[in-house]
């Protein structure tokens, strides 16, 4: 278990080291202008540069957004935090029918090209999943996440060995 945690930590360190936080002044003017045209009400902007993509985290009306723009300022991907109640009827129906015993959290609307998907975490006492749904309510992707046991819940805490 420690090896898995160590490897995961190292992978995250490597992945995040390639993304570089930058100031708006370091972003090409054409990218900033295109972003401001698309999102004139954006506040709390934070920029990153990775390869040929500029990533911007921002808020619109208190709602968290994340956008990926190419070097020409074209928005190639857009992530919006949404509430479960904002899901399309087809997605909500699938959740009610097939995942009624799961708690839904971390709900996002993802727009990439002409495709819109909905990503979320689904969990219950036994399992936890990251799921991606299409607008039609069909599951596009579902990855099982490791469920962490909490002491005092179902399993007792491990006892310390006295040496």
C-alpha atoms as a PDB file:
ATOM      1  CA  UNK A   1       0.000   0.000   0.000  1.00  0.00           C
ATOM      2  CA  UNK A   2       2.836   2.389   0.859  1.00  0.00           C
ATOM      3  CA  UNK A   3       4.440   1.668  -2.510  1.00  0.00           C
ATOM      4  CA  UNK A   4       1.215   2.540  -4.325  1.00  0.00           C
ATOM      5  CA  UNK A   5       0.860   5.793  -2.379  1.00  0.00           C
ATOM      6  CA  UNK A   6       4.494   6.672  -3.035  1.00  0.00           C
ATOM      7  CA  UNK A   7       4.196   5.963  -6.775  1.00  0.00           C
ATOM      8  CA  UNK A   8       0.967   7.948  -6.992  1.00  0.00           C
ATOM      9  CA  UNK A   9       2.592  10.878  -5.198  1.00  0.00           C
ATOM     10  CA  UNK A  10       5.602  10.785  -7.516  1.00  0.00           C
ATOM     11  CA  UNK A  11       3.373  10.639 -10.597  1.00  0.00           C
ATOM     12  CA  UNK A  12       1.387  13.654  -9.400  1.00  0.00           C
ATOM     13  CA  UNK A  13       4.605  15.528  -8.711  1.00  0.00           C
ATOM     14  CA  UNK A  14       5.909  14.831 -12.209  1.00  0.00           C
ATOM     15  CA  UNK A  15       2.613  15.718 -13.903  1.00  0.00           C
ATOM     16  CA  UNK A  16       2.170  18.969 -11.998  1.00  0.00           C
ATOM     17  CA  UNK A  17       5.775  19.985 -12.541  1.00  0.00           C
ATOM     18  CA  UNK A  18       5.122  20.256 -16.285  1.00  0.00           C
ATOM     19  CA  UNK A  19       2.321  22.791 -15.807  1.00  0.00           C
ATOM     20  CA  UNK A  20       3.684  26.209 -14.980  1.00  0.00           C
ATOM     21  CA  UNK A  21       1.594  28.867 -13.248  1.00  0.00           C
ATOM     22  CA  UNK A  22       1.988  32.194 -15.015  1.00  0.00           C
ATOM     23  CA  UNK A  23       0.621  35.706 -14.718  1.00  0.00           C
ATOM     24  CA  UNK A  24      -1.904  37.080 -17.186  1.00  0.00           C
ATOM     25  CA  UNK A  25       0.814  39.384 -18.509  1.00  0.00           C
ATOM     26  CA  UNK A  26       2.771  36.276 -19.583  1.00  0.00           C
ATOM     27  CA  UNK A  27      -0.165  34.960 -21.644  1.00  0.00           C
ATOM     28  CA  UNK A  28      -0.212  36.053 -25.307  1.00  0.00           C
ATOM     29  CA  UNK A  29      -2.465  39.094 -25.758  1.00  0.00           C
ATOM     30  CA  UNK A  30      -4.529  37.286 -28.419  1.00  0.00           C
ATOM     31  CA  UNK A  31      -5.288  34.434 -25.978  1.00  0.00           C
ATOM     32  CA  UNK A  32      -6.297  36.849 -23.204  1.00  0.00           C
ATOM     33  CA  UNK A  33      -8.449  38.900 -25.618  1.00  0.00           C
ATOM     34  CA  UNK A  34     -10.250  35.786 -26.883  1.00  0.00           C
ATOM     35  CA  UNK A  35     -10.824  34.582 -23.310  1.00  0.00           C
ATOM     36  CA  UNK A  36     -12.198  37.955 -22.192  1.00  0.00           C
ATOM     37  CA  UNK A  37     -14.481  38.075 -25.243  1.00  0.00           C
ATOM     38  CA  UNK A  38     -15.904  34.624 -24.390  1.00  0.00           C
ATOM     39  CA  UNK A  39     -16.087  35.242 -20.632  1.00  0.00           C
ATOM     40  CA  UNK A  40     -16.442  38.998 -19.962  1.00  0.00           C
ATOM     41  CA  UNK A  41     -17.766  38.391 -16.420  1.00  0.00           C
ATOM     42  CA  UNK A  42     -14.841  36.149 -15.398  1.00  0.00           C
ATOM     43  CA  UNK A  43     -13.227  36.889 -12.047  1.00  0.00           C
ATOM     44  CA  UNK A  44     -10.410  35.347  -9.991  1.00  0.00           C
ATOM     45  CA  UNK A  45      -8.493  34.185 -13.064  1.00  0.00           C
ATOM     46  CA  UNK A  46      -5.424  31.993 -12.600  1.00  0.00           C
ATOM     47  CA  UNK A  47      -3.362  30.984 -15.621  1.00  0.00           C
ATOM     48  CA  UNK A  48      -1.102  28.013 -16.324  1.00  0.00           C
ATOM     49  CA  UNK A  49       0.932  27.070 -19.371  1.00  0.00           C
ATOM     50  CA  UNK A  50       1.568  23.487 -20.403  1.00  0.00           C
ATOM     51  CA  UNK A  51       2.991  22.652 -23.797  1.00  0.00           C
ATOM     52  CA  UNK A  52       0.880  24.570 -26.343  1.00  0.00           C
ATOM     53  CA  UNK A  53      -2.125  25.015 -24.100  1.00  0.00           C
ATOM     54  CA  UNK A  54      -3.057  27.820 -21.741  1.00  0.00           C
ATOM     55  CA  UNK A  55      -5.276  26.748 -18.859  1.00  0.00           C
ATOM     56  CA  UNK A  56      -7.319  29.271 -16.950  1.00  0.00           C
ATOM     57  CA  UNK A  57      -9.270  28.732 -13.745  1.00  0.00           C
ATOM     58  CA  UNK A  58     -11.901  31.361 -13.115  1.00  0.00           C
ATOM     59  CA  UNK A  59     -15.309  32.144 -11.668  1.00  0.00           C
ATOM     60  CA  UNK A  60     -18.445  33.458 -13.312  1.00  0.00           C
ATOM     61  CA  UNK A  61     -21.161  34.465 -10.875  1.00  0.00           C
ATOM     62  CA  UNK A  62     -19.455  32.500  -8.101  1.00  0.00           C
ATOM     63  CA  UNK A  63     -19.337  29.285 -10.164  1.00  0.00           C
ATOM     64  CA  UNK A  64     -15.954  27.616 -10.757  1.00  0.00           C
ATOM     65  CA  UNK A  65     -14.831  27.147 -14.356  1.00  0.00           C
ATOM     66  CA  UNK A  66     -11.708  25.861 -16.045  1.00  0.00           C
ATOM     67  CA  UNK A  67     -10.831  26.489 -19.660  1.00  0.00           C
ATOM     68  CA  UNK A  68      -8.168  25.146 -22.004  1.00  0.00           C
ATOM     69  CA  UNK A  69      -7.180  27.505 -24.821  1.00  0.00           C
ATOM     70  CA  UNK A  70      -4.811  26.870 -27.696  1.00  0.00           C
ATOM     71  CA  UNK A  71      -2.133  29.395 -28.733  1.00  0.00           C
ATOM     72  CA  UNK A  72      -4.670  31.139 -30.999  1.00  0.00           C
ATOM     73  CA  UNK A  73      -7.083  31.703 -28.113  1.00  0.00           C
ATOM     74  CA  UNK A  74      -9.569  29.069 -29.243  1.00  0.00           C
ATOM     75  CA  UNK A  75     -11.364  27.424 -26.322  1.00  0.00           C
ATOM     76  CA  UNK A  76     -10.747  23.709 -26.839  1.00  0.00           C
ATOM     77  CA  UNK A  77     -12.207  22.432 -23.551  1.00  0.00           C
ATOM     78  CA  UNK A  78     -14.388  23.947 -20.827  1.00  0.00           C
ATOM     79  CA  UNK A  79     -15.223  22.521 -17.390  1.00  0.00           C
ATOM     80  CA  UNK A  80     -18.024  23.990 -15.263  1.00  0.00           C
ATOM     81  CA  UNK A  81     -18.912  23.014 -11.693  1.00  0.00           C
ATOM     82  CA  UNK A  82     -22.632  22.290 -11.568  1.00  0.00           C
ATOM     83  CA  UNK A  83     -25.120  21.002  -9.038  1.00  0.00           C
ATOM     84  CA  UNK A  84     -26.666  17.558  -9.354  1.00  0.00           C
ATOM     85  CA  UNK A  85     -30.024  19.305  -9.861  1.00  0.00           C
ATOM     86  CA  UNK A  86     -28.621  20.911 -13.045  1.00  0.00           C
ATOM     87  CA  UNK A  87     -27.964  17.583 -14.772  1.00  0.00           C
ATOM     88  CA  UNK A  88     -29.974  16.856 -17.934  1.00  0.00           C
ATOM     89  CA  UNK A  89     -33.121  14.786 -17.368  1.00  0.00           C
ATOM     90  CA  UNK A  90     -31.623  11.739 -19.128  1.00  0.00           C
ATOM     91  CA  UNK A  91     -28.554  11.709 -16.848  1.00  0.00           C
ATOM     92  CA  UNK A  92     -30.701  12.250 -13.748  1.00  0.00           C
ATOM     93  CA  UNK A  93     -32.951   9.360 -14.832  1.00  0.00           C
ATOM     94  CA  UNK A  94     -29.976   7.001 -15.239  1.00  0.00           C
ATOM     95  CA  UNK A  95     -28.675   8.007 -11.808  1.00  0.00           C
ATOM     96  CA  UNK A  96     -32.091   7.402 -10.238  1.00  0.00           C
ATOM     97  CA  UNK A  97     -32.579   4.050 -11.996  1.00  0.00           C
ATOM     98  CA  UNK A  98     -29.104   2.508 -11.811  1.00  0.00           C
ATOM     99  CA  UNK A  99     -27.292   4.374  -9.021  1.00  0.00           C
ATOM    100  CA  UNK A 100     -30.003   5.149  -6.471  1.00  0.00           C
ATOM    101  CA  UNK A 101     -27.860   3.688  -3.672  1.00  0.00           C
ATOM    102  CA  UNK A 102     -24.914   5.972  -4.532  1.00  0.00           C
ATOM    103  CA  UNK A 103     -24.156   9.475  -3.346  1.00  0.00           C
ATOM    104  CA  UNK A 104     -23.277  11.876  -6.162  1.00  0.00           C
ATOM    105  CA  UNK A 105     -20.546  14.499  -5.685  1.00  0.00           C
ATOM    106  CA  UNK A 106     -18.068  16.570  -7.680  1.00  0.00           C
ATOM    107  CA  UNK A 107     -20.396  17.182 -10.631  1.00  0.00           C
ATOM    108  CA  UNK A 108     -18.953  18.864 -13.742  1.00  0.00           C
ATOM    109  CA  UNK A 109     -20.221  19.743 -17.174  1.00  0.00           C
ATOM    110  CA  UNK A 110     -17.445  19.234 -19.746  1.00  0.00           C
ATOM    111  CA  UNK A 111     -17.563  20.776 -23.197  1.00  0.00           C
ATOM    112  CA  UNK A 112     -14.972  19.702 -25.754  1.00  0.00           C
ATOM    113  CA  UNK A 113     -15.617  20.482 -29.389  1.00  0.00           C
ATOM    114  CA  UNK A 114     -19.268  19.697 -30.065  1.00  0.00           C
ATOM    115  CA  UNK A 115     -19.464  17.103 -27.281  1.00  0.00           C
ATOM    116  CA  UNK A 116     -20.892  17.751 -23.830  1.00  0.00           C
ATOM    117  CA  UNK A 117     -20.394  15.231 -21.053  1.00  0.00           C
ATOM    118  CA  UNK A 118     -21.092  15.144 -17.346  1.00  0.00           C
ATOM    119  CA  UNK A 119     -18.461  13.893 -14.902  1.00  0.00           C
ATOM    120  CA  UNK A 120     -19.047  12.987 -11.286  1.00  0.00           C
ATOM    121  CA  UNK A 121     -18.051  10.798  -8.385  1.00  0.00           C
ATOM    122  CA  UNK A 122     -20.448   8.076  -7.279  1.00  0.00           C
ATOM    123  CA  UNK A 123     -19.958   6.365  -3.937  1.00  0.00           C
ATOM    124  CA  UNK A 124     -21.691   4.205  -1.387  1.00  0.00           C
ATOM    125  CA  UNK A 125     -20.482   2.163   1.587  1.00  0.00           C
ATOM    126  CA  UNK A 126     -18.857  -0.496  -0.610  1.00  0.00           C
ATOM    127  CA  UNK A 127     -17.471   1.283  -3.682  1.00  0.00           C
ATOM    128  CA  UNK A 128     -16.486   4.560  -5.288  1.00  0.00           C
ATOM    129  CA  UNK A 129     -16.505   5.376  -9.016  1.00  0.00           C
ATOM    130  CA  UNK A 130     -15.577   8.235 -11.305  1.00  0.00           C
ATOM    131  CA  UNK A 131     -18.216   8.282 -14.021  1.00  0.00           C
ATOM    132  CA  UNK A 132     -18.709  10.160 -17.285  1.00  0.00           C
ATOM    133  CA  UNK A 133     -22.175  10.370 -18.814  1.00  0.00           C
ATOM    134  CA  UNK A 134     -23.290  11.577 -22.227  1.00  0.00           C
ATOM    135  CA  UNK A 135     -26.170  14.016 -22.589  1.00  0.00           C
ATOM    136  CA  UNK A 136     -28.356  11.018 -23.450  1.00  0.00           C
ATOM    137  CA  UNK A 137     -27.747   9.539 -19.983  1.00  0.00           C
ATOM    138  CA  UNK A 138     -25.548   6.690 -21.188  1.00  0.00           C
ATOM    139  CA  UNK A 139     -22.333   5.947 -19.336  1.00  0.00           C
ATOM    140  CA  UNK A 140     -19.299   6.751 -21.472  1.00  0.00           C
ATOM    141  CA  UNK A 141     -16.677   5.829 -18.896  1.00  0.00           C
ATOM    142  CA  UNK A 142     -16.635   4.474 -15.354  1.00  0.00           C
ATOM    143  CA  UNK A 143     -13.438   3.975 -13.341  1.00  0.00           C
ATOM    144  CA  UNK A 144     -13.357   2.379  -9.937  1.00  0.00           C
ATOM    145  CA  UNK A 145     -11.538   4.379  -7.296  1.00  0.00           C
ATOM    146  CA  UNK A 146      -9.966   2.903  -4.224  1.00  0.00           C
ATOM    147  CA  UNK A 147     -12.235   3.334  -1.234  1.00  0.00           C
ATOM    148  CA  UNK A 148     -10.412   4.415   1.907  1.00  0.00           C
ATOM    149  CA  UNK A 149     -11.555   2.852   5.136  1.00  0.00           C
ATOM    150  CA  UNK A 150     -12.161   5.264   7.967  1.00  0.00           C
ATOM    151  CA  UNK A 151     -11.451   4.146  11.527  1.00  0.00           C
ATOM    152  CA  UNK A 152     -14.577   3.913  13.616  1.00  0.00           C
ATOM    153  CA  UNK A 153     -16.858   3.484  10.605  1.00  0.00           C
ATOM    154  CA  UNK A 154     -16.939  -0.205   9.615  1.00  0.00           C
ATOM    155  CA  UNK A 155     -13.421  -1.293  10.499  1.00  0.00           C
ATOM    156  CA  UNK A 156     -11.468  -0.618  13.686  1.00  0.00           C
ATOM    157  CA  UNK A 157      -8.284   1.425  13.468  1.00  0.00           C
ATOM    158  CA  UNK A 158      -5.088  -0.561  13.222  1.00  0.00           C
ATOM    159  CA  UNK A 159      -3.367  -0.940  16.530  1.00  0.00           C
ATOM    160  CA  UNK A 160       0.173   0.299  16.968  1.00  0.00           C
ATOM    161  CA  UNK A 161       2.785  -2.335  17.637  1.00  0.00           C
ATOM    162  CA  UNK A 162       4.791  -1.794  20.773  1.00  0.00           C
ATOM    163  CA  UNK A 163       8.443  -2.489  20.056  1.00  0.00           C
END
